[in-house]
């Protein structure tokens, strides 16, 4: 009988910058041709050099970057930022979530989301936000499995 996979989540460190940048680029390549993907990347993607962007995130006290591992091999990541609202309440925003295609379906993303939810609760957040592109039912269903539901729909019209 095959040995069960060990799925772990840990805090990212400076030693993970190369993995994080590569994973971020792979995630962008996967969505750039999807409806809304190119604009989402232009609006919310990390600036180059991506390694420096992640290094800043690691130093930001309001941002947490976590690595999902399968048998001690980095297989995904999540970045979560705490945002203070005008009411002085805090919301947790999942700004990045990516799992290598070969590691999907084994629980890496779920472990990352559970860790994000725990962090949000520990920080007294009133909620947790994440994004899915229009038509990306797999991502939408994934987030819904954690109780996240649509609260707004962004619309856009390209002019050129």
N, C-alpha and C. Protein backbone atom coordinates (compact mmCIF):
# COMPACT_ATOMS: atom_id res chain seq x y z
N UNK A 1 0.85 -1.17 0.00
CA UNK A 1 0.00 0.00 0.00
C UNK A 1 0.90 1.24 0.00
N UNK A 2 0.59 2.22 -0.87
CA UNK A 2 1.44 3.41 -0.92
C UNK A 2 1.33 4.24 0.35
N UNK A 3 2.44 4.87 0.69
CA UNK A 3 2.49 5.73 1.86
C UNK A 3 1.63 6.97 1.61
N UNK A 4 0.80 7.39 2.58
CA UNK A 4 -0.03 8.58 2.38
C UNK A 4 0.84 9.84 2.26
N UNK A 5 0.37 10.79 1.48
CA UNK A 5 1.08 12.05 1.32
C UNK A 5 1.00 12.86 2.61
N UNK A 6 2.08 13.54 2.92
CA UNK A 6 2.09 14.43 4.08
C UNK A 6 1.95 15.86 3.56
N UNK A 7 0.86 16.53 3.92
CA UNK A 7 0.58 17.90 3.51
C UNK A 7 0.84 18.80 4.72
N UNK A 8 1.72 19.78 4.53
CA UNK A 8 2.05 20.72 5.61
C UNK A 8 1.95 22.15 5.09
N UNK A 9 1.76 23.07 6.01
CA UNK A 9 1.78 24.51 5.72
C UNK A 9 2.77 25.14 6.68
N UNK A 10 3.60 26.02 6.14
CA UNK A 10 4.58 26.72 6.98
C UNK A 10 4.71 28.16 6.50
N UNK A 11 5.28 28.99 7.35
CA UNK A 11 5.54 30.38 6.99
C UNK A 11 6.64 30.42 5.93
N UNK A 12 6.45 31.28 4.95
CA UNK A 12 7.49 31.48 3.93
C UNK A 12 8.64 32.27 4.54
N UNK A 13 9.83 32.04 4.00
CA UNK A 13 11.03 32.77 4.42
C UNK A 13 11.73 33.30 3.18
N UNK A 14 12.78 34.04 3.41
CA UNK A 14 13.58 34.57 2.30
C UNK A 14 14.12 33.43 1.42
N UNK A 15 14.32 32.27 1.98
CA UNK A 15 14.80 31.13 1.20
C UNK A 15 13.77 30.66 0.17
N UNK A 16 12.52 31.10 0.31
CA UNK A 16 11.44 30.70 -0.59
C UNK A 16 11.21 31.69 -1.74
N UNK A 17 11.95 32.77 -1.79
CA UNK A 17 11.68 33.82 -2.78
C UNK A 17 11.70 33.32 -4.22
N UNK A 18 12.64 32.46 -4.55
CA UNK A 18 12.70 31.94 -5.92
C UNK A 18 11.46 31.10 -6.22
N UNK A 19 11.07 30.23 -5.30
CA UNK A 19 9.86 29.42 -5.49
C UNK A 19 8.64 30.31 -5.63
N UNK A 20 8.50 31.30 -4.74
CA UNK A 20 7.34 32.18 -4.78
C UNK A 20 7.24 32.93 -6.11
N UNK A 21 8.34 33.46 -6.58
CA UNK A 21 8.33 34.20 -7.85
C UNK A 21 7.98 33.27 -9.01
N UNK A 22 8.56 32.08 -9.02
CA UNK A 22 8.27 31.12 -10.10
C UNK A 22 6.80 30.70 -10.05
N UNK A 23 6.29 30.43 -8.86
CA UNK A 23 4.89 30.03 -8.71
C UNK A 23 3.96 31.16 -9.16
N UNK A 24 4.29 32.38 -8.77
CA UNK A 24 3.48 33.53 -9.16
C UNK A 24 3.43 33.68 -10.69
N UNK A 25 4.58 33.53 -11.32
CA UNK A 25 4.63 33.63 -12.79
C UNK A 25 3.83 32.50 -13.45
N UNK A 26 3.94 31.30 -12.93
CA UNK A 26 3.16 30.18 -13.47
C UNK A 26 1.67 30.43 -13.31
N UNK A 27 1.28 30.97 -12.17
CA UNK A 27 -0.12 31.29 -11.95
C UNK A 27 -0.61 32.34 -12.94
N UNK A 28 0.20 33.33 -13.20
CA UNK A 28 -0.18 34.36 -14.18
C UNK A 28 -0.30 33.79 -15.58
N UNK A 29 0.64 32.95 -15.95
CA UNK A 29 0.56 32.34 -17.29
C UNK A 29 -0.72 31.51 -17.44
N UNK A 30 -1.16 30.90 -16.36
CA UNK A 30 -2.36 30.06 -16.42
C UNK A 30 -3.63 30.88 -16.58
N UNK A 31 -3.64 32.12 -16.10
CA UNK A 31 -4.88 32.90 -16.16
C UNK A 31 -4.86 34.01 -17.20
N UNK A 32 -3.70 34.32 -17.79
CA UNK A 32 -3.64 35.48 -18.67
C UNK A 32 -4.57 35.38 -19.87
N UNK A 33 -4.87 34.19 -20.34
CA UNK A 33 -5.77 34.02 -21.47
C UNK A 33 -7.23 33.81 -21.08
N UNK A 34 -7.49 33.74 -19.78
CA UNK A 34 -8.86 33.54 -19.30
C UNK A 34 -9.60 34.87 -19.28
N UNK A 35 -10.92 34.80 -19.32
CA UNK A 35 -11.74 36.01 -19.27
C UNK A 35 -11.42 36.79 -17.99
N UNK A 36 -10.97 38.03 -18.15
CA UNK A 36 -10.61 38.89 -17.03
C UNK A 36 -9.21 38.70 -16.51
N UNK A 37 -8.52 37.68 -16.98
CA UNK A 37 -7.19 37.36 -16.45
C UNK A 37 -6.14 38.42 -16.70
N UNK A 38 -6.03 38.87 -17.94
CA UNK A 38 -4.99 39.86 -18.26
C UNK A 38 -5.19 41.15 -17.48
N UNK A 39 -6.43 41.60 -17.37
CA UNK A 39 -6.69 42.84 -16.62
C UNK A 39 -6.46 42.63 -15.13
N UNK A 40 -6.84 41.46 -14.61
CA UNK A 40 -6.59 41.18 -13.19
C UNK A 40 -5.10 41.22 -12.90
N UNK A 41 -4.29 40.66 -13.80
CA UNK A 41 -2.84 40.68 -13.63
C UNK A 41 -2.34 42.13 -13.66
N UNK A 42 -2.85 42.93 -14.61
CA UNK A 42 -2.42 44.32 -14.71
C UNK A 42 -2.82 45.13 -13.47
N UNK A 43 -3.98 44.84 -12.90
CA UNK A 43 -4.47 45.58 -11.74
C UNK A 43 -3.85 45.09 -10.43
N UNK A 44 -3.70 43.79 -10.30
CA UNK A 44 -3.37 43.22 -8.99
C UNK A 44 -2.11 42.37 -8.95
N UNK A 45 -1.50 42.17 -10.09
CA UNK A 45 -0.30 41.34 -10.12
C UNK A 45 0.86 42.01 -9.40
N UNK A 46 1.76 41.23 -8.94
CA UNK A 46 2.94 41.77 -8.26
C UNK A 46 3.87 42.41 -9.29
N UNK A 47 4.48 43.52 -8.94
CA UNK A 47 5.40 44.17 -9.87
C UNK A 47 6.73 43.42 -9.94
N UNK A 48 7.38 43.55 -11.07
CA UNK A 48 8.74 43.02 -11.20
C UNK A 48 9.69 43.96 -10.48
N UNK A 49 10.75 43.49 -9.92
CA UNK A 49 11.06 42.07 -9.78
C UNK A 49 10.17 41.42 -8.71
N UNK A 50 9.57 40.32 -9.09
CA UNK A 50 8.61 39.66 -8.22
C UNK A 50 9.27 39.21 -6.92
N UNK A 51 10.52 38.79 -6.99
CA UNK A 51 11.22 38.39 -5.77
C UNK A 51 11.23 39.53 -4.76
N UNK A 52 11.47 40.76 -5.23
CA UNK A 52 11.49 41.92 -4.33
C UNK A 52 10.10 42.18 -3.76
N UNK A 53 9.07 41.98 -4.57
CA UNK A 53 7.69 42.16 -4.09
C UNK A 53 7.39 41.18 -2.96
N UNK A 54 7.81 39.94 -3.13
CA UNK A 54 7.60 38.96 -2.07
C UNK A 54 8.47 39.26 -0.85
N UNK A 55 9.69 39.75 -1.07
CA UNK A 55 10.55 40.12 0.06
C UNK A 55 9.87 41.22 0.89
N UNK A 56 9.25 42.19 0.21
CA UNK A 56 8.51 43.24 0.92
C UNK A 56 7.34 42.64 1.69
N UNK A 57 6.64 41.70 1.06
CA UNK A 57 5.51 41.05 1.73
C UNK A 57 5.96 40.32 2.98
N UNK A 58 7.11 39.66 2.92
CA UNK A 58 7.62 38.93 4.09
C UNK A 58 7.96 39.88 5.23
N UNK A 59 8.31 41.12 4.90
CA UNK A 59 8.66 42.11 5.93
C UNK A 59 7.45 42.92 6.41
N UNK A 60 6.32 42.79 5.73
CA UNK A 60 5.13 43.57 6.06
C UNK A 60 4.39 42.90 7.23
N UNK A 61 4.23 43.60 8.36
CA UNK A 61 3.55 42.97 9.50
C UNK A 61 2.08 42.66 9.25
N UNK A 62 1.47 43.27 8.22
CA UNK A 62 0.07 43.00 7.91
C UNK A 62 -0.11 41.91 6.86
N UNK A 63 0.98 41.35 6.38
CA UNK A 63 0.92 40.32 5.33
C UNK A 63 1.58 39.04 5.83
N UNK A 64 0.94 37.94 5.52
CA UNK A 64 1.49 36.62 5.83
C UNK A 64 1.57 35.83 4.54
N UNK A 65 2.71 35.21 4.30
CA UNK A 65 2.88 34.35 3.14
C UNK A 65 3.19 32.96 3.67
N UNK A 66 2.42 32.01 3.21
CA UNK A 66 2.59 30.63 3.66
C UNK A 66 2.84 29.71 2.47
N UNK A 67 3.60 28.68 2.73
CA UNK A 67 3.96 27.68 1.72
C UNK A 67 3.23 26.39 2.05
N UNK A 68 2.60 25.80 1.03
CA UNK A 68 2.00 24.48 1.17
C UNK A 68 2.97 23.45 0.61
N UNK A 69 3.20 22.41 1.38
CA UNK A 69 4.16 21.38 0.97
C UNK A 69 3.51 20.01 0.89
N UNK A 70 4.01 19.22 -0.05
CA UNK A 70 3.66 17.81 -0.15
C UNK A 70 4.94 17.04 0.09
N UNK A 71 4.96 16.26 1.16
CA UNK A 71 6.16 15.51 1.53
C UNK A 71 7.41 16.38 1.52
N UNK A 72 7.30 17.55 2.15
CA UNK A 72 8.39 18.52 2.32
C UNK A 72 8.84 19.20 1.04
N UNK A 73 8.07 19.10 -0.03
CA UNK A 73 8.37 19.78 -1.29
C UNK A 73 7.36 20.90 -1.48
N UNK A 74 7.84 22.12 -1.72
CA UNK A 74 6.96 23.26 -1.92
C UNK A 74 6.05 23.00 -3.11
N UNK A 75 4.73 23.13 -2.89
CA UNK A 75 3.76 22.81 -3.94
C UNK A 75 2.73 23.91 -4.14
N UNK A 76 2.75 24.93 -3.30
CA UNK A 76 1.79 26.01 -3.43
C UNK A 76 2.08 27.09 -2.42
N UNK A 77 1.36 28.20 -2.57
CA UNK A 77 1.53 29.29 -1.61
C UNK A 77 0.25 30.10 -1.49
N UNK A 78 0.17 30.83 -0.40
CA UNK A 78 -0.94 31.74 -0.14
C UNK A 78 -0.37 33.00 0.49
N UNK A 79 -0.88 34.13 0.04
CA UNK A 79 -0.54 35.41 0.67
C UNK A 79 -1.83 36.02 1.18
N UNK A 80 -1.80 36.47 2.41
CA UNK A 80 -2.97 37.04 3.06
C UNK A 80 -2.58 38.38 3.69
N UNK A 81 -3.37 39.40 3.41
CA UNK A 81 -3.10 40.73 3.94
C UNK A 81 -4.26 41.18 4.83
N UNK A 82 -3.94 41.70 5.99
CA UNK A 82 -4.94 42.25 6.89
C UNK A 82 -5.16 43.71 6.50
N UNK A 83 -6.41 44.06 6.26
CA UNK A 83 -6.75 45.41 5.82
C UNK A 83 -7.71 46.03 6.82
N UNK A 84 -7.36 47.22 7.30
CA UNK A 84 -8.22 47.93 8.24
C UNK A 84 -9.25 48.74 7.45
N UNK A 85 -10.50 48.54 7.79
CA UNK A 85 -11.59 49.24 7.13
C UNK A 85 -11.81 50.60 7.78
N UNK A 86 -12.59 51.44 7.14
CA UNK A 86 -12.89 52.77 7.71
C UNK A 86 -13.55 52.67 9.08
N UNK A 87 -14.21 51.57 9.32
CA UNK A 87 -14.85 51.35 10.63
C UNK A 87 -13.86 50.89 11.70
N UNK A 88 -12.59 50.76 11.32
CA UNK A 88 -11.51 50.23 12.15
C UNK A 88 -11.61 48.73 12.38
N UNK A 89 -12.56 48.08 11.72
CA UNK A 89 -12.60 46.63 11.73
C UNK A 89 -11.56 46.14 10.72
N UNK A 90 -11.20 44.89 10.84
CA UNK A 90 -10.16 44.33 9.98
C UNK A 90 -10.73 43.18 9.16
N UNK A 91 -10.34 43.16 7.90
CA UNK A 91 -10.73 42.06 7.01
C UNK A 91 -9.44 41.42 6.49
N UNK A 92 -9.48 40.13 6.27
CA UNK A 92 -8.34 39.40 5.72
C UNK A 92 -8.57 39.20 4.23
N UNK A 93 -7.62 39.59 3.41
CA UNK A 93 -7.74 39.45 1.96
C UNK A 93 -6.71 38.45 1.45
N UNK A 94 -7.19 37.38 0.84
CA UNK A 94 -6.30 36.43 0.18
C UNK A 94 -5.92 37.09 -1.14
N UNK A 95 -4.69 37.55 -1.24
CA UNK A 95 -4.23 38.23 -2.45
C UNK A 95 -3.63 37.28 -3.46
N UNK A 96 -3.11 36.16 -2.99
CA UNK A 96 -2.50 35.16 -3.86
C UNK A 96 -2.84 33.78 -3.31
N UNK A 97 -3.20 32.88 -4.19
CA UNK A 97 -3.35 31.47 -3.83
C UNK A 97 -3.07 30.67 -5.08
N UNK A 98 -2.06 29.83 -5.01
CA UNK A 98 -1.69 29.02 -6.16
C UNK A 98 -1.16 27.68 -5.67
N UNK A 99 -1.58 26.63 -6.36
CA UNK A 99 -1.08 25.27 -6.10
C UNK A 99 -0.64 24.69 -7.43
N UNK A 100 0.52 24.08 -7.43
CA UNK A 100 1.03 23.46 -8.67
C UNK A 100 0.00 22.48 -9.19
N UNK A 101 -0.25 22.50 -10.52
CA UNK A 101 -1.26 21.59 -11.08
C UNK A 101 -1.08 20.13 -10.68
N UNK A 102 0.16 19.66 -10.54
CA UNK A 102 0.40 18.26 -10.16
C UNK A 102 0.07 17.98 -8.70
N UNK A 103 -0.13 19.04 -7.90
CA UNK A 103 -0.41 18.86 -6.48
C UNK A 103 -1.86 19.22 -6.15
N UNK A 104 -2.66 19.50 -7.15
CA UNK A 104 -4.06 19.86 -6.89
C UNK A 104 -4.88 18.62 -6.59
N UNK A 105 -5.86 18.81 -5.74
CA UNK A 105 -6.76 17.71 -5.42
C UNK A 105 -6.29 16.82 -4.29
N UNK A 106 -5.15 17.17 -3.66
CA UNK A 106 -4.67 16.33 -2.55
C UNK A 106 -4.75 17.05 -1.21
N UNK A 107 -5.20 18.31 -1.22
CA UNK A 107 -5.40 19.00 0.04
C UNK A 107 -4.47 20.17 0.33
N UNK A 108 -3.58 20.51 -0.59
CA UNK A 108 -2.65 21.62 -0.36
C UNK A 108 -3.42 22.94 -0.25
N UNK A 109 -4.26 23.22 -1.22
CA UNK A 109 -5.04 24.46 -1.19
C UNK A 109 -5.95 24.52 0.02
N UNK A 110 -6.56 23.41 0.36
CA UNK A 110 -7.44 23.37 1.53
C UNK A 110 -6.67 23.67 2.81
N UNK A 111 -5.48 23.11 2.95
CA UNK A 111 -4.67 23.38 4.15
C UNK A 111 -4.26 24.85 4.19
N UNK A 112 -3.91 25.41 3.03
CA UNK A 112 -3.55 26.83 2.99
C UNK A 112 -4.74 27.70 3.38
N UNK A 113 -5.93 27.38 2.87
CA UNK A 113 -7.12 28.18 3.21
C UNK A 113 -7.49 28.02 4.68
N UNK A 114 -7.36 26.83 5.22
CA UNK A 114 -7.65 26.65 6.66
C UNK A 114 -6.68 27.48 7.49
N UNK A 115 -5.42 27.53 7.07
CA UNK A 115 -4.45 28.33 7.82
C UNK A 115 -4.79 29.82 7.70
N UNK A 116 -5.26 30.26 6.52
CA UNK A 116 -5.66 31.65 6.33
C UNK A 116 -6.87 31.98 7.20
N UNK A 117 -7.83 31.08 7.25
CA UNK A 117 -9.02 31.30 8.08
C UNK A 117 -8.64 31.38 9.56
N UNK A 118 -7.75 30.52 9.98
CA UNK A 118 -7.31 30.54 11.38
C UNK A 118 -6.59 31.84 11.71
N UNK A 119 -5.75 32.29 10.79
CA UNK A 119 -5.03 33.56 10.99
C UNK A 119 -6.01 34.73 11.06
N UNK A 120 -7.01 34.73 10.17
CA UNK A 120 -8.01 35.79 10.18
C UNK A 120 -8.77 35.80 11.50
N UNK A 121 -9.18 34.65 11.97
CA UNK A 121 -9.89 34.57 13.24
C UNK A 121 -9.02 35.02 14.39
N UNK A 122 -7.75 34.61 14.39
CA UNK A 122 -6.84 34.98 15.47
C UNK A 122 -6.60 36.49 15.52
N UNK A 123 -6.75 37.16 14.38
CA UNK A 123 -6.55 38.61 14.32
C UNK A 123 -7.86 39.39 14.44
N UNK A 124 -8.93 38.70 14.81
CA UNK A 124 -10.20 39.38 15.03
C UNK A 124 -10.83 39.94 13.78
N UNK A 125 -10.52 39.36 12.63
CA UNK A 125 -11.08 39.85 11.37
C UNK A 125 -12.58 39.61 11.32
N UNK A 126 -13.28 40.51 10.64
CA UNK A 126 -14.73 40.35 10.49
C UNK A 126 -15.06 39.47 9.29
N UNK A 127 -14.07 39.16 8.47
CA UNK A 127 -14.31 38.32 7.31
C UNK A 127 -13.03 38.06 6.56
N UNK A 128 -13.16 37.24 5.54
CA UNK A 128 -12.04 36.90 4.67
C UNK A 128 -12.52 37.03 3.23
N UNK A 129 -11.72 37.69 2.41
CA UNK A 129 -12.02 37.91 1.00
C UNK A 129 -11.04 37.14 0.13
N UNK A 130 -11.50 36.76 -1.05
CA UNK A 130 -10.65 36.16 -2.07
C UNK A 130 -11.30 36.45 -3.42
N UNK A 131 -10.59 36.18 -4.50
CA UNK A 131 -11.10 36.47 -5.84
C UNK A 131 -11.05 35.21 -6.71
N UNK A 132 -12.01 35.16 -7.63
CA UNK A 132 -12.02 34.14 -8.68
C UNK A 132 -12.40 34.85 -9.97
N UNK A 133 -11.79 34.46 -11.05
CA UNK A 133 -12.13 35.07 -12.33
C UNK A 133 -13.52 34.62 -12.78
N UNK A 134 -14.17 35.45 -13.61
CA UNK A 134 -15.49 35.05 -14.11
C UNK A 134 -15.40 33.74 -14.90
N UNK A 135 -16.31 32.85 -14.62
CA UNK A 135 -16.32 31.56 -15.31
C UNK A 135 -15.42 30.51 -14.70
N UNK A 136 -14.61 30.86 -13.71
CA UNK A 136 -13.70 29.89 -13.08
C UNK A 136 -14.45 29.19 -11.96
N UNK A 137 -15.29 28.24 -12.36
CA UNK A 137 -16.15 27.54 -11.41
C UNK A 137 -15.35 26.73 -10.38
N UNK A 138 -14.22 26.18 -10.81
CA UNK A 138 -13.43 25.37 -9.88
C UNK A 138 -12.95 26.22 -8.70
N UNK A 139 -12.41 27.41 -9.01
CA UNK A 139 -11.94 28.30 -7.95
C UNK A 139 -13.11 28.80 -7.12
N UNK A 140 -14.19 29.20 -7.78
CA UNK A 140 -15.38 29.68 -7.07
C UNK A 140 -15.90 28.60 -6.12
N UNK A 141 -16.03 27.38 -6.61
CA UNK A 141 -16.51 26.28 -5.78
C UNK A 141 -15.55 25.98 -4.63
N UNK A 142 -14.25 26.09 -4.90
CA UNK A 142 -13.25 25.88 -3.85
C UNK A 142 -13.47 26.88 -2.72
N UNK A 143 -13.57 28.17 -3.06
CA UNK A 143 -13.78 29.18 -2.03
C UNK A 143 -15.12 29.00 -1.33
N UNK A 144 -16.16 28.63 -2.06
CA UNK A 144 -17.45 28.41 -1.44
C UNK A 144 -17.40 27.26 -0.43
N UNK A 145 -16.54 26.29 -0.68
CA UNK A 145 -16.42 25.17 0.27
C UNK A 145 -15.88 25.63 1.62
N UNK A 146 -15.30 26.84 1.67
CA UNK A 146 -14.82 27.44 2.92
C UNK A 146 -15.78 28.51 3.43
N UNK A 147 -16.96 28.59 2.83
CA UNK A 147 -17.98 29.53 3.28
C UNK A 147 -17.88 30.91 2.65
N UNK A 148 -16.96 31.12 1.73
CA UNK A 148 -16.87 32.41 1.04
C UNK A 148 -17.93 32.46 -0.05
N UNK A 149 -18.66 33.55 -0.10
CA UNK A 149 -19.69 33.72 -1.13
C UNK A 149 -19.49 35.08 -1.80
N UNK A 150 -19.99 35.20 -3.02
CA UNK A 150 -19.85 36.45 -3.76
C UNK A 150 -20.55 37.58 -3.00
N UNK A 151 -19.86 38.71 -2.87
CA UNK A 151 -20.45 39.87 -2.23
C UNK A 151 -20.48 41.06 -3.18
N UNK A 152 -19.81 40.93 -4.32
CA UNK A 152 -19.81 41.97 -5.34
C UNK A 152 -19.42 41.33 -6.66
N UNK A 153 -19.81 41.96 -7.72
CA UNK A 153 -19.37 41.53 -9.05
C UNK A 153 -18.79 42.75 -9.73
N UNK A 154 -17.54 42.65 -10.16
CA UNK A 154 -16.91 43.74 -10.90
C UNK A 154 -17.23 43.57 -12.37
N UNK A 155 -17.50 44.68 -13.02
CA UNK A 155 -17.78 44.64 -14.46
C UNK A 155 -16.79 45.55 -15.17
N UNK A 156 -16.60 45.31 -16.46
CA UNK A 156 -15.58 46.03 -17.21
C UNK A 156 -15.96 46.06 -18.69
N UNK A 157 -15.62 47.13 -19.35
CA UNK A 157 -15.75 47.22 -20.79
C UNK A 157 -14.43 47.71 -21.36
N UNK A 158 -13.82 46.90 -22.21
CA UNK A 158 -12.58 47.30 -22.86
C UNK A 158 -12.87 48.39 -23.90
N UNK A 159 -12.05 49.41 -23.91
CA UNK A 159 -12.24 50.51 -24.86
C UNK A 159 -11.22 50.50 -25.99
N UNK A 160 -10.26 49.65 -25.89
CA UNK A 160 -9.30 49.52 -27.00
C UNK A 160 -8.78 48.12 -27.11
